[in-house]
Structure formats: C-alpha cells, structure tokens
Amino acid sequence: MFNEAVFPNQCMKCQVVNEYSGEVLWSEQGCGGETAGLRDKAKVKAYDLSRNGFDLCDLEVKCTRWKKDPEDESSDTEQKKK
C-alpha cells in the first residue's frame, strides 16, 4: 500500500530465465503497489520450476525497474473512463 501511494509511477518487471537456453520461463510486471514482493515471487517461481525438472543453477531471476510516464497514466485514466 505504501508503494502504491508514494511511488505510483514506479514499475517493475521480473522474469525467470533459463540461462542455458535463454528462454523466459515466467514473467510478471506491475506498477505502484503491484511491485511489492514481485522479486520474491519470482524467486519462489524459480524454485518451483527447479522442482519440476529445471536445474536451479541454470535459472536466473532478472528484474528491471522503470518510471511510468505521467502522460501514459492520463491516457490510461481516459481509457478507463470510456
């Protein structure tokens, strides 16, 4: 809730990537409050994948952050109103 109120423009995308093949096995992104716990969720997913046949040493969690453009937010709000 703190992130949603203070950092509504902050976005993050996390992926679990098979480093051996380069394949993205799992991906999720969000902005504001949706970023809370996203990195930990990706780590848990990597562990779950390792229990289902993937070698944990071949899996990497990659997270990137960016700031959402305020103009994008206004266009999102306009589309929600329609």
C-alpha atoms as a PDB file:
ATOM      1  CA  MET A   1       0.000   0.000   0.000  1.00  0.00           C
ATOM      2  CA  PHE A   2       2.930   2.324   0.744  1.00  0.00           C
ATOM      3  CA  ASN A   3       4.404   1.828  -2.751  1.00  0.00           C
ATOM      4  CA  GLU A   4       1.032   2.486  -4.360  1.00  0.00           C
ATOM      5  CA  ALA A   5       0.622   5.814  -2.570  1.00  0.00           C
ATOM      6  CA  VAL A   6       4.214   7.072  -2.698  1.00  0.00           C
ATOM      7  CA  PHE A   7       5.517   5.536  -5.949  1.00  0.00           C
ATOM      8  CA  PRO A   8       2.525   5.051  -8.267  1.00  0.00           C
ATOM      9  CA  ASN A   9       4.726   5.653 -11.339  1.00  0.00           C
ATOM     10  CA  GLN A  10       7.402   3.119 -10.362  1.00  0.00           C
ATOM     11  CA  CYS A  11       7.097  -0.082 -12.380  1.00  0.00           C
ATOM     12  CA  MET A  12       8.979  -3.367 -12.267  1.00  0.00           C
ATOM     13  CA  LYS A  13       9.156  -6.479 -14.427  1.00  0.00           C
ATOM     14  CA  CYS A  14      10.626  -9.733 -13.143  1.00  0.00           C
ATOM     15  CA  GLN A  15      11.434 -12.785 -15.212  1.00  0.00           C
ATOM     16  CA  VAL A  16      12.742 -16.258 -14.557  1.00  0.00           C
ATOM     17  CA  VAL A  17      15.146 -17.024 -17.392  1.00  0.00           C
ATOM     18  CA  ASN A  18      16.830 -20.292 -18.310  1.00  0.00           C
ATOM     19  CA  GLU A  19      20.394 -19.047 -18.742  1.00  0.00           C
ATOM     20  CA  TYR A  20      21.352 -22.129 -20.745  1.00  0.00           C
ATOM     21  CA  SER A  21      18.687 -21.690 -23.444  1.00  0.00           C
ATOM     22  CA  GLY A  22      17.748 -18.015 -22.956  1.00  0.00           C
ATOM     23  CA  GLU A  23      14.074 -18.993 -22.663  1.00  0.00           C
ATOM     24  CA  VAL A  24      11.853 -16.853 -20.431  1.00  0.00           C
ATOM     25  CA  LEU A  25      10.005 -19.376 -18.280  1.00  0.00           C
ATOM     26  CA  TRP A  26       7.939 -16.917 -16.231  1.00  0.00           C
ATOM     27  CA  SER A  27       7.304 -13.184 -16.378  1.00  0.00           C
ATOM     28  CA  GLU A  28       5.207 -10.687 -14.448  1.00  0.00           C
ATOM     29  CA  GLN A  29       5.156  -6.908 -14.180  1.00  0.00           C
ATOM     30  CA  GLY A  30       3.313  -4.231 -12.275  1.00  0.00           C
ATOM     31  CA  CYS A  31       3.350  -0.612 -11.165  1.00  0.00           C
ATOM     32  CA  GLY A  32       2.909   1.060  -7.787  1.00  0.00           C
ATOM     33  CA  GLY A  33       1.661  -1.360  -5.156  1.00  0.00           C
ATOM     34  CA  GLU A  34       1.798  -4.247  -7.628  1.00  0.00           C
ATOM     35  CA  THR A  35       5.616  -4.256  -7.333  1.00  0.00           C
ATOM     36  CA  ALA A  36       5.545  -5.227  -3.647  1.00  0.00           C
ATOM     37  CA  GLY A  37       7.012  -8.689  -3.302  1.00  0.00           C
ATOM     38  CA  LEU A  38       7.421  -9.194  -7.050  1.00  0.00           C
ATOM     39  CA  ARG A  39      11.136 -10.091  -6.811  1.00  0.00           C
ATOM     40  CA  ASP A  40      10.416 -12.604  -4.034  1.00  0.00           C
ATOM     41  CA  LYS A  41       7.541 -14.055  -6.067  1.00  0.00           C
ATOM     42  CA  ALA A  42       9.956 -14.578  -8.984  1.00  0.00           C
ATOM     43  CA  LYS A  43      12.467 -16.326  -6.709  1.00  0.00           C
ATOM     44  CA  VAL A  44       9.760 -18.672  -5.430  1.00  0.00           C
ATOM     45  CA  LYS A  45       8.707 -19.383  -9.020  1.00  0.00           C
ATOM     46  CA  ALA A  46      12.319 -20.219  -9.946  1.00  0.00           C
ATOM     47  CA  TYR A  47      12.486 -22.623  -7.016  1.00  0.00           C
ATOM     48  CA  ASP A  48       9.168 -24.211  -8.050  1.00  0.00           C
ATOM     49  CA  LEU A  49      10.455 -24.623 -11.609  1.00  0.00           C
ATOM     50  CA  SER A  50      13.596 -26.322 -10.281  1.00  0.00           C
ATOM     51  CA  ARG A  51      11.401 -28.866  -8.508  1.00  0.00           C
ATOM     52  CA  ASN A  52       9.665 -29.584 -11.820  1.00  0.00           C
ATOM     53  CA  GLY A  53      12.721 -30.633 -13.801  1.00  0.00           C
ATOM     54  CA  PHE A  54      14.756 -27.455 -14.378  1.00  0.00           C
ATOM     55  CA  ASP A  55      18.248 -27.203 -12.919  1.00  0.00           C
ATOM     56  CA  LEU A  56      18.208 -24.358 -10.380  1.00  0.00           C
ATOM     57  CA  CYS A  57      21.772 -23.441 -11.390  1.00  0.00           C
ATOM     58  CA  ASP A  58      20.510 -22.693 -14.918  1.00  0.00           C
ATOM     59  CA  LEU A  59      17.737 -20.344 -13.718  1.00  0.00           C
ATOM     60  CA  GLU A  60      18.192 -16.637 -13.104  1.00  0.00           C
ATOM     61  CA  VAL A  61      15.758 -14.067 -11.754  1.00  0.00           C
ATOM     62  CA  LYS A  62      16.031 -10.794 -13.669  1.00  0.00           C
ATOM     63  CA  CYS A  63      14.123  -7.717 -12.538  1.00  0.00           C
ATOM     64  CA  THR A  64      14.080  -4.320 -14.196  1.00  0.00           C
ATOM     65  CA  ARG A  65      12.551  -1.079 -12.929  1.00  0.00           C
ATOM     66  CA  TRP A  66      11.365   1.970 -14.786  1.00  0.00           C
ATOM     67  CA  LYS A  67       9.319   5.059 -14.152  1.00  0.00           C
ATOM     68  CA  LYS A  68       5.979   5.235 -15.940  1.00  0.00           C
ATOM     69  CA  ASP A  69       5.468   8.403 -17.971  1.00  0.00           C
ATOM     70  CA  PRO A  70       2.746  10.597 -16.368  1.00  0.00           C
ATOM     71  CA  GLU A  71       1.276  11.129 -19.855  1.00  0.00           C
ATOM     72  CA  ASP A  72       0.740   7.363 -20.116  1.00  0.00           C
ATOM     73  CA  GLU A  73      -1.148   7.473 -16.829  1.00  0.00           C
ATOM     74  CA  SER A  74      -3.512  10.177 -18.074  1.00  0.00           C
ATOM     75  CA  SER A  75      -4.241   8.192 -21.223  1.00  0.00           C
ATOM     76  CA  ASP A  76      -4.895   5.083 -19.075  1.00  0.00           C
ATOM     77  CA  THR A  77      -7.306   7.109 -16.941  1.00  0.00           C
ATOM     78  CA  GLU A  78      -9.073   8.431 -20.031  1.00  0.00           C
ATOM     79  CA  GLN A  79      -9.494   4.927 -21.433  1.00  0.00           C
ATOM     80  CA  LYS A  80     -10.877   3.670 -18.104  1.00  0.00           C
ATOM     81  CA  LYS A  81     -13.499   6.443 -18.193  1.00  0.00           C
ATOM     82  CA  LYS A  82     -14.702   5.377 -21.667  1.00  0.00           C
END
